[in-house]
Amino acid sequence: MLDTTESGPVAPPEERRGCLFALSQPPLMIFLAVIGCLLLMASLHDLLML
């Protein structure tokens, strides 16, 4: 007969991570920095060149 009892330690449930954890990820920060630089360059072009 198959033994179905748990013999090892029980892992704690995954803790919920909020928005600040998502914002701290490097790929997202690089993406947001690129978008911010593009918006800044476009606004400076409109203000100074046009």
PDB file of N, CA and C in Angstrom:
ATOM      1  N   MET A   1       0.837  -1.177   0.000  1.00  0.00           N
ATOM      2  CA  MET A   1       0.000   0.000   0.000  1.00  0.00           C
ATOM      3  C   MET A   1       0.889   1.252   0.000  1.00  0.00           C
ATOM      4  N   LEU A   2       0.455   2.291  -0.674  1.00  0.00           N
ATOM      5  CA  LEU A   2       1.248   3.510  -0.822  1.00  0.00           C
ATOM      6  C   LEU A   2       1.146   4.371   0.427  1.00  0.00           C
ATOM      7  N   ASP A   3       2.300   4.822   0.935  1.00  0.00           N
ATOM      8  CA  ASP A   3       2.325   5.673   2.127  1.00  0.00           C
ATOM      9  C   ASP A   3       2.109   7.126   1.702  1.00  0.00           C
ATOM     10  N   THR A   4       1.028   7.758   2.176  1.00  0.00           N
ATOM     11  CA  THR A   4       0.700   9.136   1.779  1.00  0.00           C
ATOM     12  C   THR A   4       0.932  10.137   2.898  1.00  0.00           C
ATOM     13  N   THR A   5       1.564   9.719   3.988  1.00  0.00           N
ATOM     14  CA  THR A   5       1.821  10.661   5.084  1.00  0.00           C
ATOM     15  C   THR A   5       3.034  11.520   4.732  1.00  0.00           C
ATOM     16  N   GLU A   6       3.013  12.769   5.179  1.00  0.00           N
ATOM     17  CA  GLU A   6       4.135  13.680   4.917  1.00  0.00           C
ATOM     18  C   GLU A   6       5.209  13.452   5.976  1.00  0.00           C
ATOM     19  N   SER A   7       6.412  13.135   5.516  1.00  0.00           N
ATOM     20  CA  SER A   7       7.482  12.885   6.475  1.00  0.00           C
ATOM     21  C   SER A   7       8.449  14.058   6.581  1.00  0.00           C
ATOM     22  N   GLY A   8       8.486  14.939   5.574  1.00  0.00           N
ATOM     23  CA  GLY A   8       9.419  16.061   5.586  1.00  0.00           C
ATOM     24  C   GLY A   8       8.789  17.296   6.205  1.00  0.00           C
ATOM     25  N   PRO A   9       9.595  18.333   6.380  1.00  0.00           N
ATOM     26  CA  PRO A   9       9.054  19.584   6.931  1.00  0.00           C
ATOM     27  C   PRO A   9       8.098  20.248   5.931  1.00  0.00           C
ATOM     28  N   VAL A  10       7.101  20.890   6.466  1.00  0.00           N
ATOM     29  CA  VAL A  10       6.111  21.553   5.628  1.00  0.00           C
ATOM     30  C   VAL A  10       6.633  22.945   5.282  1.00  0.00           C
ATOM     31  N   ALA A  11       6.634  23.269   3.998  1.00  0.00           N
ATOM     32  CA  ALA A  11       7.110  24.583   3.556  1.00  0.00           C
ATOM     33  C   ALA A  11       6.075  25.649   3.909  1.00  0.00           C
ATOM     34  N   PRO A  12       6.526  26.822   4.357  1.00  0.00           N
ATOM     35  CA  PRO A  12       5.566  27.885   4.666  1.00  0.00           C
ATOM     36  C   PRO A  12       4.909  28.387   3.382  1.00  0.00           C
ATOM     37  N   PRO A  13       3.682  28.865   3.486  1.00  0.00           N
ATOM     38  CA  PRO A  13       3.017  29.373   2.279  1.00  0.00           C
ATOM     39  C   PRO A  13       3.755  30.600   1.744  1.00  0.00           C
ATOM     40  N   GLU A  14       3.656  30.784   0.429  1.00  0.00           N
ATOM     41  CA  GLU A  14       4.345  31.928  -0.188  1.00  0.00           C
ATOM     42  C   GLU A  14       3.772  33.225   0.354  1.00  0.00           C
ATOM     43  N   GLU A  15       4.667  34.141   0.713  1.00  0.00           N
ATOM     44  CA  GLU A  15       4.211  35.426   1.209  1.00  0.00           C
ATOM     45  C   GLU A  15       3.845  36.313   0.028  1.00  0.00           C
ATOM     46  N   ARG A  16       2.842  37.135   0.220  1.00  0.00           N
ATOM     47  CA  ARG A  16       2.396  38.019  -0.847  1.00  0.00           C
ATOM     48  C   ARG A  16       3.374  39.174  -0.981  1.00  0.00           C
ATOM     49  N   ARG A  17       3.685  39.506  -2.211  1.00  0.00           N
ATOM     50  CA  ARG A  17       4.601  40.608  -2.480  1.00  0.00           C
ATOM     51  C   ARG A  17       3.822  41.693  -3.190  1.00  0.00           C
ATOM     52  N   GLY A  18       4.056  42.924  -2.765  1.00  0.00           N
ATOM     53  CA  GLY A  18       3.275  44.026  -3.285  1.00  0.00           C
ATOM     54  C   GLY A  18       3.917  44.708  -4.471  1.00  0.00           C
ATOM     55  N   CYS A  19       3.433  45.894  -4.746  1.00  0.00           N
ATOM     56  CA  CYS A  19       3.866  46.664  -5.898  1.00  0.00           C
ATOM     57  C   CYS A  19       5.305  47.130  -5.741  1.00  0.00           C
ATOM     58  N   LEU A  20       5.744  47.429  -4.519  1.00  0.00           N
ATOM     59  CA  LEU A  20       7.112  47.906  -4.327  1.00  0.00           C
ATOM     60  C   LEU A  20       8.126  46.828  -4.675  1.00  0.00           C
ATOM     61  N   PHE A  21       7.764  45.564  -4.458  1.00  0.00           N
ATOM     62  CA  PHE A  21       8.662  44.479  -4.859  1.00  0.00           C
ATOM     63  C   PHE A  21       8.777  44.424  -6.376  1.00  0.00           C
ATOM     64  N   ALA A  22       7.648  44.626  -7.076  1.00  0.00           N
ATOM     65  CA  ALA A  22       7.671  44.601  -8.537  1.00  0.00           C
ATOM     66  C   ALA A  22       8.479  45.765  -9.088  1.00  0.00           C
ATOM     67  N   LEU A  23       8.387  46.930  -8.459  1.00  0.00           N
ATOM     68  CA  LEU A  23       9.119  48.093  -8.947  1.00  0.00           C
ATOM     69  C   LEU A  23      10.615  47.991  -8.691  1.00  0.00           C
ATOM     70  N   SER A  24      11.024  47.104  -7.786  1.00  0.00           N
ATOM     71  CA  SER A  24      12.448  46.997  -7.476  1.00  0.00           C
ATOM     72  C   SER A  24      13.184  46.047  -8.420  1.00  0.00           C
ATOM     73  N   GLN A  25      12.477  45.467  -9.367  1.00  0.00           N
ATOM     74  CA  GLN A  25      13.113  44.539 -10.287  1.00  0.00           C
ATOM     75  C   GLN A  25      13.908  45.293 -11.349  1.00  0.00           C
ATOM     76  N   PRO A  26      15.162  44.915 -11.606  1.00  0.00           N
ATOM     77  CA  PRO A  26      16.014  45.651 -12.545  1.00  0.00           C
ATOM     78  C   PRO A  26      15.461  45.790 -13.961  1.00  0.00           C
ATOM     79  N   PRO A  27      14.883  44.744 -14.587  1.00  0.00           N
ATOM     80  CA  PRO A  27      14.385  44.943 -15.953  1.00  0.00           C
ATOM     81  C   PRO A  27      13.268  45.988 -16.022  1.00  0.00           C
ATOM     82  N   LEU A  28      12.404  46.009 -15.039  1.00  0.00           N
ATOM     83  CA  LEU A  28      11.330  46.994 -15.036  1.00  0.00           C
ATOM     84  C   LEU A  28      11.890  48.396 -14.826  1.00  0.00           C
ATOM     85  N   MET A  29      12.882  48.533 -13.957  1.00  0.00           N
ATOM     86  CA  MET A  29      13.472  49.851 -13.723  1.00  0.00           C
ATOM     87  C   MET A  29      14.190  50.348 -14.972  1.00  0.00           C
ATOM     88  N   ILE A  30      14.858  49.464 -15.707  1.00  0.00           N
ATOM     89  CA  ILE A  30      15.522  49.869 -16.949  1.00  0.00           C
ATOM     90  C   ILE A  30      14.480  50.305 -17.972  1.00  0.00           C
ATOM     91  N   PHE A  31      13.403  49.547 -18.095  1.00  0.00           N
ATOM     92  CA  PHE A  31      12.327  49.905 -19.025  1.00  0.00           C
ATOM     93  C   PHE A  31      11.736  51.262 -18.676  1.00  0.00           C
ATOM     94  N   LEU A  32      11.443  51.497 -17.401  1.00  0.00           N
ATOM     95  CA  LEU A  32      10.865  52.774 -16.993  1.00  0.00           C
ATOM     96  C   LEU A  32      11.850  53.917 -17.197  1.00  0.00           C
ATOM     97  N   ALA A  33      13.130  53.665 -16.996  1.00  0.00           N
ATOM     98  CA  ALA A  33      14.135  54.706 -17.218  1.00  0.00           C
ATOM     99  C   ALA A  33      14.224  55.072 -18.695  1.00  0.00           C
ATOM    100  N   VAL A  34      14.155  54.089 -19.578  1.00  0.00           N
ATOM    101  CA  VAL A  34      14.203  54.358 -21.021  1.00  0.00           C
ATOM    102  C   VAL A  34      12.981  55.162 -21.446  1.00  0.00           C
ATOM    103  N   ILE A  35      11.800  54.763 -20.981  1.00  0.00           N
ATOM    104  CA  ILE A  35      10.579  55.496 -21.320  1.00  0.00           C
ATOM    105  C   ILE A  35      10.650  56.923 -20.773  1.00  0.00           C
ATOM    106  N   GLY A  36      11.152  57.087 -19.551  1.00  0.00           N
ATOM    107  CA  GLY A  36      11.282  58.414 -18.969  1.00  0.00           C
ATOM    108  C   GLY A  36      12.246  59.290 -19.754  1.00  0.00           C
ATOM    109  N   CYS A  37      13.367  58.709 -20.202  1.00  0.00           N
ATOM    110  CA  CYS A  37      14.324  59.484 -20.999  1.00  0.00           C
ATOM    111  C   CYS A  37      13.723  59.893 -22.338  1.00  0.00           C
ATOM    112  N   LEU A  38      12.969  59.003 -22.959  1.00  0.00           N
ATOM    113  CA  LEU A  38      12.326  59.361 -24.225  1.00  0.00           C
ATOM    114  C   LEU A  38      11.323  60.489 -24.039  1.00  0.00           C
ATOM    115  N   LEU A  39      10.539  60.428 -22.964  1.00  0.00           N
ATOM    116  CA  LEU A  39       9.578  61.504 -22.695  1.00  0.00           C
ATOM    117  C   LEU A  39      10.302  62.815 -22.393  1.00  0.00           C
ATOM    118  N   LEU A  40      11.396  62.755 -21.657  1.00  0.00           N
ATOM    119  CA  LEU A  40      12.165  63.950 -21.347  1.00  0.00           C
ATOM    120  C   LEU A  40      12.766  64.566 -22.610  1.00  0.00           C
ATOM    121  N   MET A  41      13.324  63.716 -23.475  1.00  0.00           N
ATOM    122  CA  MET A  41      13.900  64.232 -24.714  1.00  0.00           C
ATOM    123  C   MET A  41      12.833  64.846 -25.607  1.00  0.00           C
ATOM    124  N   ALA A  42      11.662  64.239 -25.677  1.00  0.00           N
ATOM    125  CA  ALA A  42      10.586  64.793 -26.497  1.00  0.00           C
ATOM    126  C   ALA A  42      10.102  66.120 -25.941  1.00  0.00           C
ATOM    127  N   SER A  43       9.980  66.227 -24.623  1.00  0.00           N
ATOM    128  CA  SER A  43       9.512  67.484 -24.036  1.00  0.00           C
ATOM    129  C   SER A  43      10.556  68.593 -24.187  1.00  0.00           C
ATOM    130  N   LEU A  44      11.836  68.262 -24.033  1.00  0.00           N
ATOM    131  CA  LEU A  44      12.883  69.263 -24.242  1.00  0.00           C
ATOM    132  C   LEU A  44      12.945  69.703 -25.701  1.00  0.00           C
ATOM    133  N   HIS A  45      12.719  68.777 -26.610  1.00  0.00           N
ATOM    134  CA  HIS A  45      12.706  69.137 -28.026  1.00  0.00           C
ATOM    135  C   HIS A  45      11.562  70.101 -28.312  1.00  0.00           C
ATOM    136  N   ASP A  46      10.383  69.836 -27.740  1.00  0.00           N
ATOM    137  CA  ASP A  46       9.247  70.729 -27.945  1.00  0.00           C
ATOM    138  C   ASP A  46       9.498  72.104 -27.328  1.00  0.00           C
ATOM    139  N   LEU A  47      10.117  72.135 -26.165  1.00  0.00           N
ATOM    140  CA  LEU A  47      10.322  73.417 -25.497  1.00  0.00           C
ATOM    141  C   LEU A  47      11.427  74.255 -26.130  1.00  0.00           C
ATOM    142  N   LEU A  48      12.510  73.606 -26.543  1.00  0.00           N
ATOM    143  CA  LEU A  48      13.688  74.364 -26.966  1.00  0.00           C
ATOM    144  C   LEU A  48      13.823  74.486 -28.484  1.00  0.00           C
ATOM    145  N   MET A  49      13.380  73.483 -29.226  1.00  0.00           N
ATOM    146  CA  MET A  49      13.619  73.500 -30.667  1.00  0.00           C
ATOM    147  C   MET A  49      12.447  74.052 -31.471  1.00  0.00           C
ATOM    148  N   LEU A  50      11.259  73.940 -30.958  1.00  0.00           N
ATOM    149  CA  LEU A  50      10.091  74.395 -31.743  1.00  0.00           C
ATOM    150  C   LEU A  50       9.712  75.823 -31.402  1.00  0.00           C
TER     151      LEU A  50
END
